[in-house]
Amino acid sequence: MTTALITGSTAGIGSAFARRLAAQGHNLVLVARDTKRLGEQATELHDRHGIEAEVLTADLSTDEGIAAVERRLGDRTHPVDLLVNNAGFGNKGRYLEVSMADELTMLKVHVEAVLRLTSAATGSMRSRGRGGVVNVASVAAFVPRGTYGASKAWVVQFTQGAARDLSGSGVRLMALCPGFVRTEFHQRAGMGTDNIPNWMWLDADKLVAAALDDLARGKTVSVPDPRYKALMGLVKLTPRGLLGGVSSRTGRKYGPQ
């Protein structure tokens, strides 16, 4: 049986990955900050699917938390075959309305942790000649929209570049770029969602199923929904100057309230 390690596993997209992979028979390493929720999740998945679910409490906004997950990924006696870098969060407010400490914490989680954990995982995967990494980004990566979008743009560019460098090694890397997903994400950030149209919302379980299919097909970037594929197609055709204005207006309409 293969083993998947999922960061931010107790809620949202991370939880959907855990459910899907457990149902497919993968053992799991579940990573999050809340030990109690991790234990409950591990017990439920073990009892329902008969898989082994290891828990690792770690805060990826700290060096100690990142290092703990790096050590687990580097354990060659209990190798990890699939890494899902899902942990992340949003800050409420526009640029200069968010404290510098919060901005730097976002970069720690979205950029440094992704870089370090991907590197720790793919090093041992390459030596075994197999493995996969899913780095959860966002469609916000493709529009000029603050630190969140910028950090997710880094995730996409990094993942694509690393995938090219590891081509032929047996290791697959993919950036997953969802749109609005019904999770705890917006609530935790204190963001209102009542103004977001129903058609823009995605189901986390369907999203994960499509993402894993894209990974199996060897895609390096996954936008797993026809609605958002169409929107991203329009983004590519829109001049950057105009796109910045549209993004700003859309952010005020559909973003944090």
C-alpha atoms as a PDB file:
ATOM      1  CA  MET A   1       0.000   0.000   0.000  1.00  0.00           C
ATOM      2  CA  THR A   2       1.238   3.488  -0.821  1.00  0.00           C
ATOM      3  CA  THR A   3       1.339   6.391   1.626  1.00  0.00           C
ATOM      4  CA  ALA A   4       0.159   9.961   1.084  1.00  0.00           C
ATOM      5  CA  LEU A   5       1.050  12.915   3.317  1.00  0.00           C
ATOM      6  CA  ILE A   6      -1.467  15.773   3.361  1.00  0.00           C
ATOM      7  CA  THR A   7      -0.887  19.148   5.010  1.00  0.00           C
ATOM      8  CA  GLY A   8      -3.923  21.032   6.247  1.00  0.00           C
ATOM      9  CA  SER A   9      -5.752  17.716   6.255  1.00  0.00           C
ATOM     10  CA  THR A  10      -8.506  18.381   8.776  1.00  0.00           C
ATOM     11  CA  ALA A  11     -10.674  20.733   6.710  1.00  0.00           C
ATOM     12  CA  GLY A  12     -11.678  21.736   3.207  1.00  0.00           C
ATOM     13  CA  ILE A  13      -9.675  20.514   0.240  1.00  0.00           C
ATOM     14  CA  GLY A  14      -7.178  18.713   2.492  1.00  0.00           C
ATOM     15  CA  SER A  15      -9.959  16.745   4.148  1.00  0.00           C
ATOM     16  CA  ALA A  16     -11.410  15.876   0.726  1.00  0.00           C
ATOM     17  CA  PHE A  17      -8.002  14.566  -0.377  1.00  0.00           C
ATOM     18  CA  ALA A  18      -7.804  12.458   2.788  1.00  0.00           C
ATOM     19  CA  ARG A  19     -11.257  10.941   2.218  1.00  0.00           C
ATOM     20  CA  ARG A  20     -10.591  10.185  -1.439  1.00  0.00           C
ATOM     21  CA  LEU A  21      -7.150   8.691  -0.942  1.00  0.00           C
ATOM     22  CA  ALA A  22      -8.269   6.594   2.038  1.00  0.00           C
ATOM     23  CA  ALA A  23     -11.181   5.254  -0.022  1.00  0.00           C
ATOM     24  CA  GLN A  24      -8.664   4.267  -2.701  1.00  0.00           C
ATOM     25  CA  GLY A  25      -6.654   2.294  -0.126  1.00  0.00           C
ATOM     26  CA  HIS A  26      -3.752   4.646   0.557  1.00  0.00           C
ATOM     27  CA  ASN A  27      -2.247   4.901   4.013  1.00  0.00           C
ATOM     28  CA  LEU A  28      -2.096   8.489   5.226  1.00  0.00           C
ATOM     29  CA  VAL A  29       0.066  10.903   7.172  1.00  0.00           C
ATOM     30  CA  LEU A  30      -2.260  13.672   8.312  1.00  0.00           C
ATOM     31  CA  VAL A  31      -0.675  17.037   9.112  1.00  0.00           C
ATOM     32  CA  ALA A  32      -2.360  20.013  10.776  1.00  0.00           C
ATOM     33  CA  ARG A  33      -2.112  22.223  13.863  1.00  0.00           C
ATOM     34  CA  ASP A  34      -5.053  20.780  15.845  1.00  0.00           C
ATOM     35  CA  THR A  35      -4.065  17.495  17.504  1.00  0.00           C
ATOM     36  CA  LYS A  36      -7.612  16.697  18.618  1.00  0.00           C
ATOM     37  CA  ARG A  37      -9.100  17.095  15.146  1.00  0.00           C
ATOM     38  CA  LEU A  38      -6.236  15.094  13.656  1.00  0.00           C
ATOM     39  CA  GLY A  39      -6.910  12.214  16.024  1.00  0.00           C
ATOM     40  CA  GLU A  40     -10.623  12.222  15.259  1.00  0.00           C
ATOM     41  CA  GLN A  41      -9.947  12.312  11.524  1.00  0.00           C
ATOM     42  CA  ALA A  42      -7.410   9.485  11.700  1.00  0.00           C
ATOM     43  CA  THR A  43      -9.774   7.281  13.698  1.00  0.00           C
ATOM     44  CA  GLU A  44     -12.678   7.887  11.334  1.00  0.00           C
ATOM     45  CA  LEU A  45     -10.664   7.128   8.192  1.00  0.00           C
ATOM     46  CA  HIS A  46      -9.089   4.023   9.725  1.00  0.00           C
ATOM     47  CA  ASP A  47     -12.443   2.665  10.893  1.00  0.00           C
ATOM     48  CA  ARG A  48     -14.200   3.414   7.604  1.00  0.00           C
ATOM     49  CA  HIS A  49     -11.546   2.297   5.127  1.00  0.00           C
ATOM     50  CA  GLY A  50      -9.174   0.028   7.056  1.00  0.00           C
ATOM     51  CA  ILE A  51      -6.114   2.111   6.219  1.00  0.00           C
ATOM     52  CA  GLU A  52      -3.341   3.265   8.552  1.00  0.00           C
ATOM     53  CA  ALA A  53      -3.584   6.961   9.405  1.00  0.00           C
ATOM     54  CA  GLU A  54      -0.617   8.542  11.138  1.00  0.00           C
ATOM     55  CA  VAL A  55      -0.985  11.997  12.687  1.00  0.00           C
ATOM     56  CA  LEU A  56       1.646  14.736  12.785  1.00  0.00           C
ATOM     57  CA  THR A  57       0.871  17.976  14.589  1.00  0.00           C
ATOM     58  CA  ALA A  58       2.793  20.793  12.933  1.00  0.00           C
ATOM     59  CA  ASP A  59       2.378  24.532  12.401  1.00  0.00           C
ATOM     60  CA  LEU A  60       3.831  25.325   8.985  1.00  0.00           C
ATOM     61  CA  SER A  61       4.161  29.001   9.833  1.00  0.00           C
ATOM     62  CA  THR A  62       7.122  28.023  12.051  1.00  0.00           C
ATOM     63  CA  ASP A  63      10.542  26.586  11.279  1.00  0.00           C
ATOM     64  CA  GLU A  64       9.938  23.830  13.813  1.00  0.00           C
ATOM     65  CA  GLY A  65       6.705  22.779  12.145  1.00  0.00           C
ATOM     66  CA  ILE A  66       8.192  22.707   8.662  1.00  0.00           C
ATOM     67  CA  ALA A  67      11.243  20.799   9.906  1.00  0.00           C
ATOM     68  CA  ALA A  68       9.039  18.154  11.560  1.00  0.00           C
ATOM     69  CA  VAL A  69       7.269  17.445   8.272  1.00  0.00           C
ATOM     70  CA  GLU A  70      10.588  17.490   6.383  1.00  0.00           C
ATOM     71  CA  ARG A  71      11.884  14.777   8.707  1.00  0.00           C
ATOM     72  CA  ARG A  72       8.822  12.618   8.078  1.00  0.00           C
ATOM     73  CA  LEU A  73       9.138  13.047   4.318  1.00  0.00           C
ATOM     74  CA  GLY A  74      12.801  12.094   4.517  1.00  0.00           C
ATOM     75  CA  ASP A  75      12.123   8.838   6.412  1.00  0.00           C
ATOM     76  CA  ARG A  76      13.171   6.245   3.847  1.00  0.00           C
ATOM     77  CA  THR A  77      12.064   3.319   5.998  1.00  0.00           C
ATOM     78  CA  HIS A  78       8.462   4.576   5.773  1.00  0.00           C
ATOM     79  CA  PRO A  79       8.430   6.403   2.438  1.00  0.00           C
ATOM     80  CA  VAL A  80       5.783   8.865   1.301  1.00  0.00           C
ATOM     81  CA  ASP A  81       4.590   8.246  -2.262  1.00  0.00           C
ATOM     82  CA  LEU A  82       2.311  11.286  -2.639  1.00  0.00           C
ATOM     83  CA  LEU A  83       2.661  14.703  -1.007  1.00  0.00           C
ATOM     84  CA  VAL A  84      -0.285  17.104  -1.012  1.00  0.00           C
ATOM     85  CA  ASN A  85       0.850  20.597   0.006  1.00  0.00           C
ATOM     86  CA  ASN A  86      -2.560  21.960   0.890  1.00  0.00           C
ATOM     87  CA  ALA A  87      -2.044  24.073   4.024  1.00  0.00           C
ATOM     88  CA  GLY A  88      -2.867  27.717   3.454  1.00  0.00           C
ATOM     89  CA  PHE A  89      -5.005  30.659   4.490  1.00  0.00           C
ATOM     90  CA  GLY A  90      -6.238  34.075   3.419  1.00  0.00           C
ATOM     91  CA  ASN A  91      -5.850  37.496   5.017  1.00  0.00           C
ATOM     92  CA  LYS A  92      -8.804  39.881   5.178  1.00  0.00           C
ATOM     93  CA  GLY A  93      -7.952  43.274   3.756  1.00  0.00           C
ATOM     94  CA  ARG A  94      -6.184  44.951   0.882  1.00  0.00           C
ATOM     95  CA  TYR A  95      -2.480  45.673   0.600  1.00  0.00           C
ATOM     96  CA  LEU A  96      -1.292  47.894   3.505  1.00  0.00           C
ATOM     97  CA  GLU A  97      -4.449  46.982   5.446  1.00  0.00           C
ATOM     98  CA  VAL A  98      -2.870  43.677   6.474  1.00  0.00           C
ATOM     99  CA  SER A  99      -0.036  43.691   9.005  1.00  0.00           C
ATOM    100  CA  MET A 100       3.449  42.901   7.775  1.00  0.00           C
ATOM    101  CA  ALA A 101       3.618  40.022  10.268  1.00  0.00           C
ATOM    102  CA  ASP A 102       0.544  38.421   8.688  1.00  0.00           C
ATOM    103  CA  GLU A 103       1.891  38.979   5.173  1.00  0.00           C
ATOM    104  CA  LEU A 104       5.175  37.277   6.098  1.00  0.00           C
ATOM    105  CA  THR A 105       3.341  34.394   7.755  1.00  0.00           C
ATOM    106  CA  MET A 106       1.425  33.844   4.513  1.00  0.00           C
ATOM    107  CA  LEU A 107       4.674  33.702   2.554  1.00  0.00           C
ATOM    108  CA  LYS A 108       6.102  31.275   5.107  1.00  0.00           C
ATOM    109  CA  VAL A 109       3.196  28.867   4.637  1.00  0.00           C
ATOM    110  CA  HIS A 110       2.487  29.338   0.922  1.00  0.00           C
ATOM    111  CA  VAL A 111       6.069  29.670  -0.336  1.00  0.00           C
ATOM    112  CA  GLU A 112       8.775  28.524   2.069  1.00  0.00           C
ATOM    113  CA  ALA A 113       6.880  25.512   3.377  1.00  0.00           C
ATOM    114  CA  VAL A 114       5.916  24.426  -0.150  1.00  0.00           C
ATOM    115  CA  LEU A 115       9.516  24.753  -1.341  1.00  0.00           C
ATOM    116  CA  ARG A 116      11.021  22.888   1.600  1.00  0.00           C
ATOM    117  CA  LEU A 117       8.448  20.093   1.740  1.00  0.00           C
ATOM    118  CA  THR A 118       8.450  19.547  -2.015  1.00  0.00           C
ATOM    119  CA  SER A 119      12.241  19.321  -1.939  1.00  0.00           C
ATOM    120  CA  ALA A 120      12.222  16.907   0.995  1.00  0.00           C
ATOM    121  CA  ALA A 121       9.659  14.675  -0.708  1.00  0.00           C
ATOM    122  CA  THR A 122      11.035  14.637  -4.246  1.00  0.00           C
ATOM    123  CA  GLY A 123      14.587  13.893  -3.164  1.00  0.00           C
ATOM    124  CA  SER A 124      13.643  10.469  -1.843  1.00  0.00           C
ATOM    125  CA  MET A 125      11.000   9.951  -4.551  1.00  0.00           C
ATOM    126  CA  ARG A 126      13.575  10.464  -7.284  1.00  0.00           C
ATOM    127  CA  SER A 127      15.881   7.879  -5.743  1.00  0.00           C
ATOM    128  CA  ARG A 128      13.002   5.356  -5.792  1.00  0.00           C
ATOM    129  CA  GLY A 129      11.970   6.329  -9.327  1.00  0.00           C
ATOM    130  CA  ARG A 130       8.355   7.130  -8.467  1.00  0.00           C
ATOM    131  CA  GLY A 131       6.152   9.542  -6.558  1.00  0.00           C
ATOM    132  CA  GLY A 132       3.925  12.562  -6.893  1.00  0.00           C
ATOM    133  CA  VAL A 133       3.407  16.036  -5.443  1.00  0.00           C
ATOM    134  CA  VAL A 134       0.255  18.149  -5.612  1.00  0.00           C
ATOM    135  CA  ASN A 135       0.821  21.775  -4.629  1.00  0.00           C
ATOM    136  CA  VAL A 136      -2.506  23.491  -4.017  1.00  0.00           C
ATOM    137  CA  ALA A 137      -2.486  26.951  -5.600  1.00  0.00           C
ATOM    138  CA  SER A 138      -5.512  28.927  -6.831  1.00  0.00           C
ATOM    139  CA  VAL A 139      -6.972  30.575  -9.910  1.00  0.00           C
ATOM    140  CA  ALA A 140      -5.940  33.762  -8.061  1.00  0.00           C
ATOM    141  CA  ALA A 141      -2.434  32.899  -9.287  1.00  0.00           C
ATOM    142  CA  PHE A 142      -3.406  34.115 -12.764  1.00  0.00           C
ATOM    143  CA  VAL A 143      -4.660  37.597 -11.854  1.00  0.00           C
ATOM    144  CA  PRO A 144      -2.898  40.541 -10.155  1.00  0.00           C
ATOM    145  CA  ARG A 145      -4.591  40.444  -6.791  1.00  0.00           C
ATOM    146  CA  GLY A 146      -2.421  41.034  -3.699  1.00  0.00           C
ATOM    147  CA  THR A 147      -0.105  38.845  -1.683  1.00  0.00           C
ATOM    148  CA  TYR A 148      -2.390  35.816  -1.759  1.00  0.00           C
ATOM    149  CA  GLY A 149      -2.481  35.724  -5.560  1.00  0.00           C
ATOM    150  CA  ALA A 150       1.238  36.481  -5.750  1.00  0.00           C
ATOM    151  CA  SER A 151       2.105  33.621  -3.422  1.00  0.00           C
ATOM    152  CA  LYS A 152      -0.071  31.224  -5.403  1.00  0.00           C
ATOM    153  CA  ALA A 153       1.512  32.434  -8.657  1.00  0.00           C
ATOM    154  CA  TRP A 154       4.855  31.438  -7.149  1.00  0.00           C
ATOM    155  CA  VAL A 155       3.446  27.980  -6.373  1.00  0.00           C
ATOM    156  CA  VAL A 156       2.369  27.512 -10.000  1.00  0.00           C
ATOM    157  CA  GLN A 157       5.661  28.717 -11.489  1.00  0.00           C
ATOM    158  CA  PHE A 158       7.769  26.728  -9.035  1.00  0.00           C
ATOM    159  CA  THR A 159       5.783  23.545  -9.603  1.00  0.00           C
ATOM    160  CA  GLN A 160       5.983  23.805 -13.380  1.00  0.00           C
ATOM    161  CA  GLY A 161       9.724  24.445 -13.281  1.00  0.00           C
ATOM    162  CA  ALA A 162      10.399  21.608 -10.862  1.00  0.00           C
ATOM    163  CA  ALA A 163       8.249  19.271 -12.965  1.00  0.00           C
ATOM    164  CA  ARG A 164      10.381  20.044 -16.016  1.00  0.00           C
ATOM    165  CA  ASP A 165      13.619  19.502 -14.103  1.00  0.00           C
ATOM    166  CA  LEU A 166      12.379  16.130 -12.797  1.00  0.00           C
ATOM    167  CA  SER A 167      10.970  14.988 -16.137  1.00  0.00           C
ATOM    168  CA  GLY A 168      11.844  11.348 -16.773  1.00  0.00           C
ATOM    169  CA  SER A 169      12.602  10.650 -13.107  1.00  0.00           C
ATOM    170  CA  GLY A 170       9.264   8.968 -12.386  1.00  0.00           C
ATOM    171  CA  VAL A 171       8.233  11.870 -10.103  1.00  0.00           C
ATOM    172  CA  ARG A 172       5.174  13.914 -11.097  1.00  0.00           C
ATOM    173  CA  LEU A 173       4.426  17.415  -9.844  1.00  0.00           C
ATOM    174  CA  MET A 174       1.211  19.339 -10.356  1.00  0.00           C
ATOM    175  CA  ALA A 175      -0.149  22.717  -9.240  1.00  0.00           C
ATOM    176  CA  LEU A 176      -3.857  22.508  -8.439  1.00  0.00           C
ATOM    177  CA  CYS A 177      -5.711  25.769  -9.111  1.00  0.00           C
ATOM    178  CA  PRO A 178      -9.267  25.746  -7.756  1.00  0.00           C
ATOM    179  CA  GLY A 179     -11.712  28.625  -7.637  1.00  0.00           C
ATOM    180  CA  PHE A 180     -14.147  29.227  -4.772  1.00  0.00           C
ATOM    181  CA  VAL A 181     -14.629  26.009  -2.780  1.00  0.00           C
ATOM    182  CA  ARG A 182     -17.080  25.541   0.082  1.00  0.00           C
ATOM    183  CA  THR A 183     -14.685  25.055   2.996  1.00  0.00           C
ATOM    184  CA  GLU A 184     -13.724  26.770   6.272  1.00  0.00           C
ATOM    185  CA  PHE A 185     -11.220  28.954   4.377  1.00  0.00           C
ATOM    186  CA  HIS A 186     -13.306  32.140   4.155  1.00  0.00           C
ATOM    187  CA  GLN A 187     -14.785  31.798   7.628  1.00  0.00           C
ATOM    188  CA  ARG A 188     -11.342  31.471   9.210  1.00  0.00           C
ATOM    189  CA  ALA A 189     -10.196  34.613   7.392  1.00  0.00           C
ATOM    190  CA  GLY A 190     -13.297  36.536   8.468  1.00  0.00           C
ATOM    191  CA  MET A 191     -14.412  36.937   4.864  1.00  0.00           C
ATOM    192  CA  GLY A 192     -18.052  37.271   3.884  1.00  0.00           C
ATOM    193  CA  THR A 193     -19.260  34.972   1.105  1.00  0.00           C
ATOM    194  CA  ASP A 194     -22.911  35.919   0.699  1.00  0.00           C
ATOM    195  CA  ASN A 195     -22.063  38.064  -2.336  1.00  0.00           C
ATOM    196  CA  ILE A 196     -20.404  35.216  -4.272  1.00  0.00           C
ATOM    197  CA  PRO A 197     -22.756  33.770  -6.945  1.00  0.00           C
ATOM    198  CA  ASN A 198     -23.742  30.137  -6.522  1.00  0.00           C
ATOM    199  CA  TRP A 199     -22.323  29.179  -9.933  1.00  0.00           C
ATOM    200  CA  MET A 200     -18.802  30.112  -8.768  1.00  0.00           C
ATOM    201  CA  TRP A 201     -18.760  27.579  -5.924  1.00  0.00           C
ATOM    202  CA  LEU A 202     -17.070  24.179  -6.351  1.00  0.00           C
ATOM    203  CA  ASP A 203     -17.557  20.929  -4.439  1.00  0.00           C
ATOM    204  CA  ALA A 204     -14.354  19.852  -2.690  1.00  0.00           C
ATOM    205  CA  ASP A 205     -14.821  16.123  -3.287  1.00  0.00           C
ATOM    206  CA  LYS A 206     -15.465  16.544  -7.015  1.00  0.00           C
ATOM    207  CA  LEU A 207     -12.520  18.930  -7.213  1.00  0.00           C
ATOM    208  CA  VAL A 208     -10.172  16.376  -5.658  1.00  0.00           C
ATOM    209  CA  ALA A 209     -11.386  13.548  -7.901  1.00  0.00           C
ATOM    210  CA  ALA A 210     -10.698  15.672 -10.997  1.00  0.00           C
ATOM    211  CA  ALA A 211      -7.319  16.761  -9.624  1.00  0.00           C
ATOM    212  CA  LEU A 212      -6.131  13.199  -9.039  1.00  0.00           C
ATOM    213  CA  ASP A 213      -7.230  12.279 -12.567  1.00  0.00           C
ATOM    214  CA  ASP A 214      -5.188  15.203 -13.921  1.00  0.00           C
ATOM    215  CA  LEU A 215      -2.153  14.095 -11.894  1.00  0.00           C
ATOM    216  CA  ALA A 216      -2.460  10.574 -13.304  1.00  0.00           C
ATOM    217  CA  ARG A 217      -2.552  12.054 -16.816  1.00  0.00           C
ATOM    218  CA  GLY A 218       0.694  13.904 -16.182  1.00  0.00           C
ATOM    219  CA  LYS A 219      -0.651  17.457 -16.111  1.00  0.00           C
ATOM    220  CA  THR A 220       1.545  20.035 -14.379  1.00  0.00           C
ATOM    221  CA  VAL A 221      -1.266  22.567 -13.867  1.00  0.00           C
ATOM    222  CA  SER A 222      -4.839  21.552 -13.078  1.00  0.00           C
ATOM    223  CA  VAL A 223      -7.856  23.878 -13.244  1.00  0.00           C
ATOM    224  CA  PRO A 224     -10.399  21.118 -12.621  1.00  0.00           C
ATOM    225  CA  ASP A 225     -13.710  22.652 -13.615  1.00  0.00           C
ATOM    226  CA  PRO A 226     -15.081  23.756 -17.008  1.00  0.00           C
ATOM    227  CA  ARG A 227     -16.366  27.053 -15.588  1.00  0.00           C
ATOM    228  CA  TYR A 228     -12.991  28.120 -14.318  1.00  0.00           C
ATOM    229  CA  LYS A 229     -11.197  26.744 -17.378  1.00  0.00           C
ATOM    230  CA  ALA A 230     -13.330  29.117 -19.458  1.00  0.00           C
ATOM    231  CA  LEU A 231     -12.625  32.046 -17.130  1.00  0.00           C
ATOM    232  CA  MET A 232      -8.877  31.382 -17.216  1.00  0.00           C
ATOM    233  CA  GLY A 233      -9.052  31.235 -21.006  1.00  0.00           C
ATOM    234  CA  LEU A 234     -10.492  34.748 -20.978  1.00  0.00           C
ATOM    235  CA  VAL A 235      -7.809  35.882 -18.543  1.00  0.00           C
ATOM    236  CA  LYS A 236      -5.081  34.799 -20.977  1.00  0.00           C
ATOM    237  CA  LEU A 237      -6.637  36.950 -23.699  1.00  0.00           C
ATOM    238  CA  THR A 238      -7.090  40.057 -21.545  1.00  0.00           C
ATOM    239  CA  PRO A 239      -4.340  42.750 -21.567  1.00  0.00           C
ATOM    240  CA  ARG A 240      -2.553  42.909 -18.224  1.00  0.00           C
ATOM    241  CA  GLY A 241      -3.405  46.566 -17.614  1.00  0.00           C
ATOM    242  CA  LEU A 242      -7.104  45.955 -18.153  1.00  0.00           C
ATOM    243  CA  LEU A 243      -6.926  42.728 -16.163  1.00  0.00           C
ATOM    244  CA  GLY A 244      -5.570  44.575 -13.138  1.00  0.00           C
ATOM    245  CA  GLY A 245      -8.567  46.929 -13.114  1.00  0.00           C
ATOM    246  CA  VAL A 246     -11.047  44.102 -13.603  1.00  0.00           C
ATOM    247  CA  SER A 247      -9.356  42.054 -10.877  1.00  0.00           C
ATOM    248  CA  SER A 248      -9.517  44.955  -8.440  1.00  0.00           C
ATOM    249  CA  ARG A 249     -13.215  45.594  -9.097  1.00  0.00           C
ATOM    250  CA  THR A 250     -14.034  41.888  -8.927  1.00  0.00           C
ATOM    251  CA  GLY A 251     -12.111  41.558  -5.682  1.00  0.00           C
ATOM    252  CA  ARG A 252     -14.156  44.363  -4.151  1.00  0.00           C
ATOM    253  CA  LYS A 253     -17.371  42.740  -5.350  1.00  0.00           C
ATOM    254  CA  TYR A 254     -16.663  39.099  -4.562  1.00  0.00           C
ATOM    255  CA  GLY A 255     -13.766  39.322  -2.120  1.00  0.00           C
ATOM    256  CA  PRO A 256     -13.518  39.964   1.636  1.00  0.00           C
ATOM    257  CA  GLN A 257     -16.288  42.108   3.131  1.00  0.00           C
END
